[in-house]
């Protein structure tokens, strides 16, 4: 059996946590992109890039806001509005 120090265990656990966070962000990002494309058709490169660049909090907010948008213009306006 291989000995793992406490520091190594902490490093492994930190890596697992970071991996879960990255996975959640990427999954949410892909879901939001698919939802937007399903609702409004293919997204322009600038709009897709804006979505990809959003932090997780804004991605979560956008996932809900998409339910209220009537047009692709609503999406662009939301992306261009200041966060908050």
PDB file of N, CA and C in Angstrom:
ATOM      1  N   UNK A   1       0.849  -1.176   0.000  1.00  0.00           N
ATOM      2  CA  UNK A   1       0.000   0.000   0.000  1.00  0.00           C
ATOM      3  C   UNK A   1       0.892   1.236   0.000  1.00  0.00           C
ATOM      4  N   UNK A   2       0.533   2.211  -0.788  1.00  0.00           N
ATOM      5  CA  UNK A   2       1.318   3.430  -0.897  1.00  0.00           C
ATOM      6  C   UNK A   2       0.885   4.411   0.182  1.00  0.00           C
ATOM      7  N   UNK A   3       1.854   5.027   0.808  1.00  0.00           N
ATOM      8  CA  UNK A   3       1.586   6.030   1.834  1.00  0.00           C
ATOM      9  C   UNK A   3       1.312   7.375   1.168  1.00  0.00           C
ATOM     10  N   UNK A   4       0.225   8.017   1.593  1.00  0.00           N
ATOM     11  CA  UNK A   4      -0.115   9.360   1.086  1.00  0.00           C
ATOM     12  C   UNK A   4      -0.121  10.303   2.275  1.00  0.00           C
ATOM     13  N   UNK A   5       0.665  11.347   2.176  1.00  0.00           N
ATOM     14  CA  UNK A   5       0.742  12.302   3.281  1.00  0.00           C
ATOM     15  C   UNK A   5      -0.544  13.117   3.369  1.00  0.00           C
ATOM     16  N   UNK A   6      -0.709  13.784   4.482  1.00  0.00           N
ATOM     17  CA  UNK A   6      -1.871  14.642   4.683  1.00  0.00           C
ATOM     18  C   UNK A   6      -1.914  15.743   3.630  1.00  0.00           C
ATOM     19  N   UNK A   7      -0.773  16.314   3.326  1.00  0.00           N
ATOM     20  CA  UNK A   7      -0.718  17.369   2.308  1.00  0.00           C
ATOM     21  C   UNK A   7      -1.141  16.827   0.952  1.00  0.00           C
ATOM     22  N   UNK A   8      -0.708  15.611   0.637  1.00  0.00           N
ATOM     23  CA  UNK A   8      -1.104  15.003  -0.641  1.00  0.00           C
ATOM     24  C   UNK A   8      -2.606  14.746  -0.679  1.00  0.00           C
ATOM     25  N   UNK A   9      -3.150  14.270   0.437  1.00  0.00           N
ATOM     26  CA  UNK A   9      -4.600  14.041   0.513  1.00  0.00           C
ATOM     27  C   UNK A   9      -5.365  15.340   0.314  1.00  0.00           C
ATOM     28  N   UNK A  10      -4.890  16.393   0.957  1.00  0.00           N
ATOM     29  CA  UNK A  10      -5.549  17.692   0.797  1.00  0.00           C
ATOM     30  C   UNK A  10      -5.469  18.173  -0.651  1.00  0.00           C
ATOM     31  N   UNK A  11      -4.328  17.961  -1.272  1.00  0.00           N
ATOM     32  CA  UNK A  11      -4.163  18.339  -2.671  1.00  0.00           C
ATOM     33  C   UNK A  11      -5.088  17.560  -3.586  1.00  0.00           C
ATOM     34  N   UNK A  12      -5.214  16.266  -3.320  1.00  0.00           N
ATOM     35  CA  UNK A  12      -6.109  15.425  -4.119  1.00  0.00           C
ATOM     36  C   UNK A  12      -7.550  15.885  -3.947  1.00  0.00           C
ATOM     37  N   UNK A  13      -7.950  16.141  -2.716  1.00  0.00           N
ATOM     38  CA  UNK A  13      -9.326  16.591  -2.456  1.00  0.00           C
ATOM     39  C   UNK A  13      -9.581  17.943  -3.100  1.00  0.00           C
ATOM     40  N   UNK A  14      -8.623  18.850  -3.006  1.00  0.00           N
ATOM     41  CA  UNK A  14      -8.777  20.168  -3.633  1.00  0.00           C
ATOM     42  C   UNK A  14      -8.930  20.008  -5.150  1.00  0.00           C
ATOM     43  N   UNK A  15      -8.164  19.110  -5.730  1.00  0.00           N
ATOM     44  CA  UNK A  15      -8.271  18.847  -7.164  1.00  0.00           C
ATOM     45  C   UNK A  15      -9.640  18.309  -7.538  1.00  0.00           C
ATOM     46  N   UNK A  16     -10.188  17.442  -6.713  1.00  0.00           N
ATOM     47  CA  UNK A  16     -11.536  16.905  -6.964  1.00  0.00           C
ATOM     48  C   UNK A  16     -12.582  18.009  -6.901  1.00  0.00           C
ATOM     49  N   UNK A  17     -12.477  18.856  -5.901  1.00  0.00           N
ATOM     50  CA  UNK A  17     -13.435  19.962  -5.755  1.00  0.00           C
ATOM     51  C   UNK A  17     -13.344  20.894  -6.957  1.00  0.00           C
ATOM     52  N   UNK A  18     -12.131  21.255  -7.332  1.00  0.00           N
ATOM     53  CA  UNK A  18     -11.954  22.145  -8.488  1.00  0.00           C
ATOM     54  C   UNK A  18     -12.487  21.493  -9.756  1.00  0.00           C
ATOM     55  N   UNK A  19     -12.294  20.209  -9.895  1.00  0.00           N
ATOM     56  CA  UNK A  19     -12.804  19.484 -11.063  1.00  0.00           C
ATOM     57  C   UNK A  19     -14.322  19.499 -11.123  1.00  0.00           C
ATOM     58  N   UNK A  20     -14.971  19.356  -9.962  1.00  0.00           N
ATOM     59  CA  UNK A  20     -16.434  19.412  -9.926  1.00  0.00           C
ATOM     60  C   UNK A  20     -16.939  20.797 -10.297  1.00  0.00           C
ATOM     61  N   UNK A  21     -16.259  21.824  -9.817  1.00  0.00           N
ATOM     62  CA  UNK A  21     -16.651  23.198 -10.135  1.00  0.00           C
ATOM     63  C   UNK A  21     -16.504  23.461 -11.627  1.00  0.00           C
ATOM     64  N   UNK A  22     -15.376  23.082 -12.177  1.00  0.00           N
ATOM     65  CA  UNK A  22     -15.151  23.277 -13.613  1.00  0.00           C
ATOM     66  C   UNK A  22     -16.197  22.502 -14.413  1.00  0.00           C
ATOM     67  N   UNK A  23     -16.510  21.298 -13.993  1.00  0.00           N
ATOM     68  CA  UNK A  23     -17.517  20.497 -14.674  1.00  0.00           C
ATOM     69  C   UNK A  23     -18.892  21.129 -14.620  1.00  0.00           C
ATOM     70  N   UNK A  24     -19.243  21.694 -13.487  1.00  0.00           N
ATOM     71  CA  UNK A  24     -20.545  22.355 -13.357  1.00  0.00           C
ATOM     72  C   UNK A  24     -20.618  23.567 -14.266  1.00  0.00           C
ATOM     73  N   UNK A  25     -19.579  24.371 -14.278  1.00  0.00           N
ATOM     74  CA  UNK A  25     -19.564  25.565 -15.133  1.00  0.00           C
ATOM     75  C   UNK A  25     -19.693  25.157 -16.598  1.00  0.00           C
ATOM     76  N   UNK A  26     -18.912  24.182 -17.018  1.00  0.00           N
ATOM     77  CA  UNK A  26     -18.949  23.760 -18.421  1.00  0.00           C
ATOM     78  C   UNK A  26     -20.311  23.173 -18.785  1.00  0.00           C
ATOM     79  N   UNK A  27     -20.882  22.373 -17.890  1.00  0.00           N
ATOM     80  CA  UNK A  27     -22.202  21.800 -18.145  1.00  0.00           C
ATOM     81  C   UNK A  27     -23.275  22.874 -18.255  1.00  0.00           C
ATOM     82  N   UNK A  28     -23.248  23.845 -17.363  1.00  0.00           N
ATOM     83  CA  UNK A  28     -24.207  24.942 -17.404  1.00  0.00           C
ATOM     84  C   UNK A  28     -24.023  25.755 -18.673  1.00  0.00           C
ATOM     85  N   UNK A  29     -22.785  26.023 -19.034  1.00  0.00           N
ATOM     86  CA  UNK A  29     -22.486  26.793 -20.250  1.00  0.00           C
ATOM     87  C   UNK A  29     -23.064  26.091 -21.483  1.00  0.00           C
ATOM     88  N   UNK A  30     -22.833  24.784 -21.591  1.00  0.00           N
ATOM     89  CA  UNK A  30     -23.338  24.035 -22.740  1.00  0.00           C
ATOM     90  C   UNK A  30     -24.861  24.000 -22.762  1.00  0.00           C
ATOM     91  N   UNK A  31     -25.478  23.868 -21.602  1.00  0.00           N
ATOM     92  CA  UNK A  31     -26.940  23.868 -21.522  1.00  0.00           C
ATOM     93  C   UNK A  31     -27.514  25.202 -21.976  1.00  0.00           C
ATOM     94  N   UNK A  32     -26.951  26.295 -21.498  1.00  0.00           N
ATOM     95  CA  UNK A  32     -27.439  27.627 -21.869  1.00  0.00           C
ATOM     96  C   UNK A  32     -27.265  27.856 -23.373  1.00  0.00           C
ATOM     97  N   UNK A  33     -26.130  27.463 -23.924  1.00  0.00           N
ATOM     98  CA  UNK A  33     -25.926  27.606 -25.365  1.00  0.00           C
ATOM     99  C   UNK A  33     -26.961  26.799 -26.152  1.00  0.00           C
ATOM    100  N   UNK A  34     -27.220  25.570 -25.731  1.00  0.00           N
ATOM    101  CA  UNK A  34     -28.209  24.740 -26.433  1.00  0.00           C
ATOM    102  C   UNK A  34     -29.612  25.318 -26.301  1.00  0.00           C
ATOM    103  N   UNK A  35     -29.962  25.807 -25.114  1.00  0.00           N
ATOM    104  CA  UNK A  35     -31.285  26.406 -24.924  1.00  0.00           C
ATOM    105  C   UNK A  35     -31.460  27.617 -25.836  1.00  0.00           C
ATOM    106  N   UNK A  36     -30.449  28.482 -25.871  1.00  0.00           N
ATOM    107  CA  UNK A  36     -30.529  29.691 -26.695  1.00  0.00           C
ATOM    108  C   UNK A  36     -30.637  29.328 -28.175  1.00  0.00           C
ATOM    109  N   UNK A  37     -29.863  28.349 -28.615  1.00  0.00           N
ATOM    110  CA  UNK A  37     -29.921  27.940 -30.021  1.00  0.00           C
ATOM    111  C   UNK A  37     -31.253  27.280 -30.362  1.00  0.00           C
ATOM    112  N   UNK A  38     -31.800  26.529 -29.444  1.00  0.00           N
ATOM    113  CA  UNK A  38     -33.104  25.896 -29.663  1.00  0.00           C
ATOM    114  C   UNK A  38     -34.191  26.960 -29.799  1.00  0.00           C
ATOM    115  N   UNK A  39     -34.091  27.991 -29.000  1.00  0.00           N
ATOM    116  CA  UNK A  39     -35.129  29.030 -28.989  1.00  0.00           C
ATOM    117  C   UNK A  39     -34.979  30.019 -30.138  1.00  0.00           C
ATOM    118  N   UNK A  40     -33.747  30.416 -30.462  1.00  0.00           N
ATOM    119  CA  UNK A  40     -33.530  31.509 -31.419  1.00  0.00           C
ATOM    120  C   UNK A  40     -32.789  31.095 -32.683  1.00  0.00           C
ATOM    121  N   UNK A  41     -32.418  29.838 -32.804  1.00  0.00           N
ATOM    122  CA  UNK A  41     -31.654  29.399 -33.963  1.00  0.00           C
ATOM    123  C   UNK A  41     -30.168  29.586 -33.710  1.00  0.00           C
ATOM    124  N   UNK A  42     -29.363  29.362 -34.742  1.00  0.00           N
ATOM    125  CA  UNK A  42     -27.907  29.478 -34.573  1.00  0.00           C
ATOM    126  C   UNK A  42     -27.506  30.853 -34.032  1.00  0.00           C
ATOM    127  N   UNK A  43     -26.595  30.843 -33.063  1.00  0.00           N
ATOM    128  CA  UNK A  43     -26.125  32.083 -32.446  1.00  0.00           C
ATOM    129  C   UNK A  43     -24.951  32.633 -33.243  1.00  0.00           C
ATOM    130  N   UNK A  44     -24.865  33.947 -33.307  1.00  0.00           N
ATOM    131  CA  UNK A  44     -23.696  34.555 -33.933  1.00  0.00           C
ATOM    132  C   UNK A  44     -22.475  34.273 -33.060  1.00  0.00           C
ATOM    133  N   UNK A  45     -21.308  34.328 -33.667  1.00  0.00           N
ATOM    134  CA  UNK A  45     -20.065  34.107 -32.910  1.00  0.00           C
ATOM    135  C   UNK A  45     -19.923  35.075 -31.736  1.00  0.00           C
ATOM    136  N   UNK A  46     -20.205  36.387 -31.928  1.00  0.00           N
ATOM    137  CA  UNK A  46     -20.062  37.308 -30.784  1.00  0.00           C
ATOM    138  C   UNK A  46     -21.013  36.971 -29.627  1.00  0.00           C
ATOM    139  N   UNK A  47     -22.244  36.577 -29.941  1.00  0.00           N
ATOM    140  CA  UNK A  47     -23.197  36.238 -28.874  1.00  0.00           C
ATOM    141  C   UNK A  47     -22.747  34.958 -28.160  1.00  0.00           C
ATOM    142  N   UNK A  48     -22.353  33.953 -28.920  1.00  0.00           N
ATOM    143  CA  UNK A  48     -21.871  32.710 -28.308  1.00  0.00           C
ATOM    144  C   UNK A  48     -20.638  32.985 -27.441  1.00  0.00           C
ATOM    145  N   UNK A  49     -19.743  33.841 -27.920  1.00  0.00           N
ATOM    146  CA  UNK A  49     -18.535  34.175 -27.149  1.00  0.00           C
ATOM    147  C   UNK A  49     -18.891  34.886 -25.850  1.00  0.00           C
ATOM    148  N   UNK A  50     -19.898  35.758 -25.896  1.00  0.00           N
ATOM    149  CA  UNK A  50     -20.329  36.439 -24.667  1.00  0.00           C
ATOM    150  C   UNK A  50     -20.863  35.432 -23.659  1.00  0.00           C
ATOM    151  N   UNK A  51     -21.631  34.470 -24.123  1.00  0.00           N
ATOM    152  CA  UNK A  51     -22.179  33.454 -23.223  1.00  0.00           C
ATOM    153  C   UNK A  51     -21.049  32.609 -22.636  1.00  0.00           C
ATOM    154  N   UNK A  52     -20.127  32.190 -23.463  1.00  0.00           N
ATOM    155  CA  UNK A  52     -19.007  31.360 -23.006  1.00  0.00           C
ATOM    156  C   UNK A  52     -18.183  32.088 -21.942  1.00  0.00           C
ATOM    157  N   UNK A  53     -18.088  33.402 -22.035  1.00  0.00           N
ATOM    158  CA  UNK A  53     -17.259  34.174 -21.106  1.00  0.00           C
ATOM    159  C   UNK A  53     -17.955  34.473 -19.769  1.00  0.00           C
ATOM    160  N   UNK A  54     -19.247  34.159 -19.650  1.00  0.00           N
ATOM    161  CA  UNK A  54     -19.968  34.494 -18.418  1.00  0.00           C
ATOM    162  C   UNK A  54     -19.507  33.646 -17.239  1.00  0.00           C
ATOM    163  N   UNK A  55     -19.435  34.254 -16.050  1.00  0.00           N
ATOM    164  CA  UNK A  55     -19.177  33.465 -14.835  1.00  0.00           C
ATOM    165  C   UNK A  55     -20.426  32.645 -14.488  1.00  0.00           C
ATOM    166  N   UNK A  56     -20.263  31.649 -13.645  1.00  0.00           N
ATOM    167  CA  UNK A  56     -21.347  30.718 -13.329  1.00  0.00           C
ATOM    168  C   UNK A  56     -22.594  31.423 -12.799  1.00  0.00           C
ATOM    169  N   UNK A  57     -22.437  32.471 -12.012  1.00  0.00           N
ATOM    170  CA  UNK A  57     -23.606  33.156 -11.461  1.00  0.00           C
ATOM    171  C   UNK A  57     -24.451  33.761 -12.582  1.00  0.00           C
ATOM    172  N   UNK A  58     -23.784  34.359 -13.569  1.00  0.00           N
ATOM    173  CA  UNK A  58     -24.506  34.955 -14.707  1.00  0.00           C
ATOM    174  C   UNK A  58     -25.072  33.866 -15.619  1.00  0.00           C
ATOM    175  N   UNK A  59     -24.369  32.744 -15.758  1.00  0.00           N
ATOM    176  CA  UNK A  59     -24.916  31.640 -16.554  1.00  0.00           C
ATOM    177  C   UNK A  59     -26.204  31.120 -15.936  1.00  0.00           C
ATOM    178  N   UNK A  60     -26.217  30.962 -14.617  1.00  0.00           N
ATOM    179  CA  UNK A  60     -27.433  30.519 -13.926  1.00  0.00           C
ATOM    180  C   UNK A  60     -28.568  31.509 -14.137  1.00  0.00           C
ATOM    181  N   UNK A  61     -28.263  32.789 -14.033  1.00  0.00           N
ATOM    182  CA  UNK A  61     -29.285  33.827 -14.239  1.00  0.00           C
ATOM    183  C   UNK A  61     -29.791  33.805 -15.677  1.00  0.00           C
ATOM    184  N   UNK A  62     -28.890  33.616 -16.630  1.00  0.00           N
ATOM    185  CA  UNK A  62     -29.288  33.576 -18.029  1.00  0.00           C
ATOM    186  C   UNK A  62     -30.158  32.361 -18.319  1.00  0.00           C
ATOM    187  N   UNK A  63     -29.847  31.239 -17.712  1.00  0.00           N
ATOM    188  CA  UNK A  63     -30.661  30.037 -17.918  1.00  0.00           C
ATOM    189  C   UNK A  63     -32.115  30.306 -17.558  1.00  0.00           C
ATOM    190  N   UNK A  64     -32.352  31.051 -16.494  1.00  0.00           N
ATOM    191  CA  UNK A  64     -33.720  31.404 -16.103  1.00  0.00           C
ATOM    192  C   UNK A  64     -34.287  32.504 -16.994  1.00  0.00           C
ATOM    193  N   UNK A  65     -33.491  33.494 -17.308  1.00  0.00           N
ATOM    194  CA  UNK A  65     -33.963  34.619 -18.118  1.00  0.00           C
ATOM    195  C   UNK A  65     -34.376  34.164 -19.511  1.00  0.00           C
ATOM    196  N   UNK A  66     -33.698  33.151 -20.053  1.00  0.00           N
ATOM    197  CA  UNK A  66     -34.045  32.658 -21.383  1.00  0.00           C
ATOM    198  C   UNK A  66     -35.507  32.242 -21.476  1.00  0.00           C
ATOM    199  N   UNK A  67     -36.076  31.801 -20.373  1.00  0.00           N
ATOM    200  CA  UNK A  67     -37.477  31.383 -20.369  1.00  0.00           C
ATOM    201  C   UNK A  67     -38.421  32.544 -20.649  1.00  0.00           C
ATOM    202  N   UNK A  68     -37.983  33.762 -20.380  1.00  0.00           N
ATOM    203  CA  UNK A  68     -38.828  34.939 -20.556  1.00  0.00           C
ATOM    204  C   UNK A  68     -38.578  35.686 -21.860  1.00  0.00           C
ATOM    205  N   UNK A  69     -37.504  35.356 -22.571  1.00  0.00           N
ATOM    206  CA  UNK A  69     -37.160  36.086 -23.780  1.00  0.00           C
ATOM    207  C   UNK A  69     -38.098  35.707 -24.918  1.00  0.00           C
ATOM    208  N   UNK A  70     -38.533  36.717 -25.675  1.00  0.00           N
ATOM    209  CA  UNK A  70     -39.394  36.483 -26.833  1.00  0.00           C
ATOM    210  C   UNK A  70     -38.585  36.429 -28.125  1.00  0.00           C
ATOM    211  N   UNK A  71     -37.471  37.136 -28.156  1.00  0.00           N
ATOM    212  CA  UNK A  71     -36.674  37.211 -29.383  1.00  0.00           C
ATOM    213  C   UNK A  71     -35.188  37.128 -29.055  1.00  0.00           C
ATOM    214  N   UNK A  72     -34.387  36.919 -30.094  1.00  0.00           N
ATOM    215  CA  UNK A  72     -32.943  36.934 -29.928  1.00  0.00           C
ATOM    216  C   UNK A  72     -32.440  38.292 -29.484  1.00  0.00           C
ATOM    217  N   UNK A  73     -33.179  39.330 -29.817  1.00  0.00           N
ATOM    218  CA  UNK A  73     -32.803  40.682 -29.385  1.00  0.00           C
ATOM    219  C   UNK A  73     -32.844  40.783 -27.865  1.00  0.00           C
ATOM    220  N   UNK A  74     -33.813  40.107 -27.245  1.00  0.00           N
ATOM    221  CA  UNK A  74     -33.876  40.095 -25.776  1.00  0.00           C
ATOM    222  C   UNK A  74     -32.595  39.497 -25.189  1.00  0.00           C
ATOM    223  N   UNK A  75     -32.105  38.449 -25.816  1.00  0.00           N
ATOM    224  CA  UNK A  75     -30.865  37.819 -25.363  1.00  0.00           C
ATOM    225  C   UNK A  75     -29.694  38.783 -25.491  1.00  0.00           C
ATOM    226  N   UNK A  76     -29.574  39.435 -26.628  1.00  0.00           N
ATOM    227  CA  UNK A  76     -28.473  40.382 -26.855  1.00  0.00           C
ATOM    228  C   UNK A  76     -28.553  41.527 -25.853  1.00  0.00           C
ATOM    229  N   UNK A  77     -29.747  42.042 -25.609  1.00  0.00           N
ATOM    230  CA  UNK A  77     -29.907  43.136 -24.634  1.00  0.00           C
ATOM    231  C   UNK A  77     -29.503  42.686 -23.239  1.00  0.00           C
ATOM    232  N   UNK A  78     -29.866  41.470 -22.856  1.00  0.00           N
ATOM    233  CA  UNK A  78     -29.507  40.949 -21.544  1.00  0.00           C
ATOM    234  C   UNK A  78     -27.987  40.821 -21.423  1.00  0.00           C
ATOM    235  N   UNK A  79     -27.356  40.301 -22.470  1.00  0.00           N
ATOM    236  CA  UNK A  79     -25.901  40.145 -22.440  1.00  0.00           C
ATOM    237  C   UNK A  79     -25.177  41.485 -22.380  1.00  0.00           C
ATOM    238  N   UNK A  80     -25.743  42.498 -23.028  1.00  0.00           N
ATOM    239  CA  UNK A  80     -25.111  43.812 -23.067  1.00  0.00           C
ATOM    240  C   UNK A  80     -25.390  44.654 -21.823  1.00  0.00           C
ATOM    241  N   UNK A  81     -26.403  44.255 -21.042  1.00  0.00           N
ATOM    242  CA  UNK A  81     -26.749  45.013 -19.823  1.00  0.00           C
ATOM    243  C   UNK A  81     -25.702  44.742 -18.747  1.00  0.00           C
ATOM    244  N   UNK A  82     -25.450  45.740 -17.905  1.00  0.00           N
ATOM    245  CA  UNK A  82     -24.508  45.510 -16.799  1.00  0.00           C
ATOM    246  C   UNK A  82     -25.060  44.454 -15.831  1.00  0.00           C
ATOM    247  N   UNK A  83     -24.179  43.656 -15.282  1.00  0.00           N
ATOM    248  CA  UNK A  83     -24.591  42.640 -14.298  1.00  0.00           C
ATOM    249  C   UNK A  83     -25.095  43.327 -13.058  1.00  0.00           C
ATOM    250  N   UNK A  84     -26.080  42.688 -12.455  1.00  0.00           N
ATOM    251  CA  UNK A  84     -26.538  43.249 -11.188  1.00  0.00           C
ATOM    252  C   UNK A  84     -27.938  43.445 -11.135  1.00  0.00           C
TER     253      UNK A  84
END
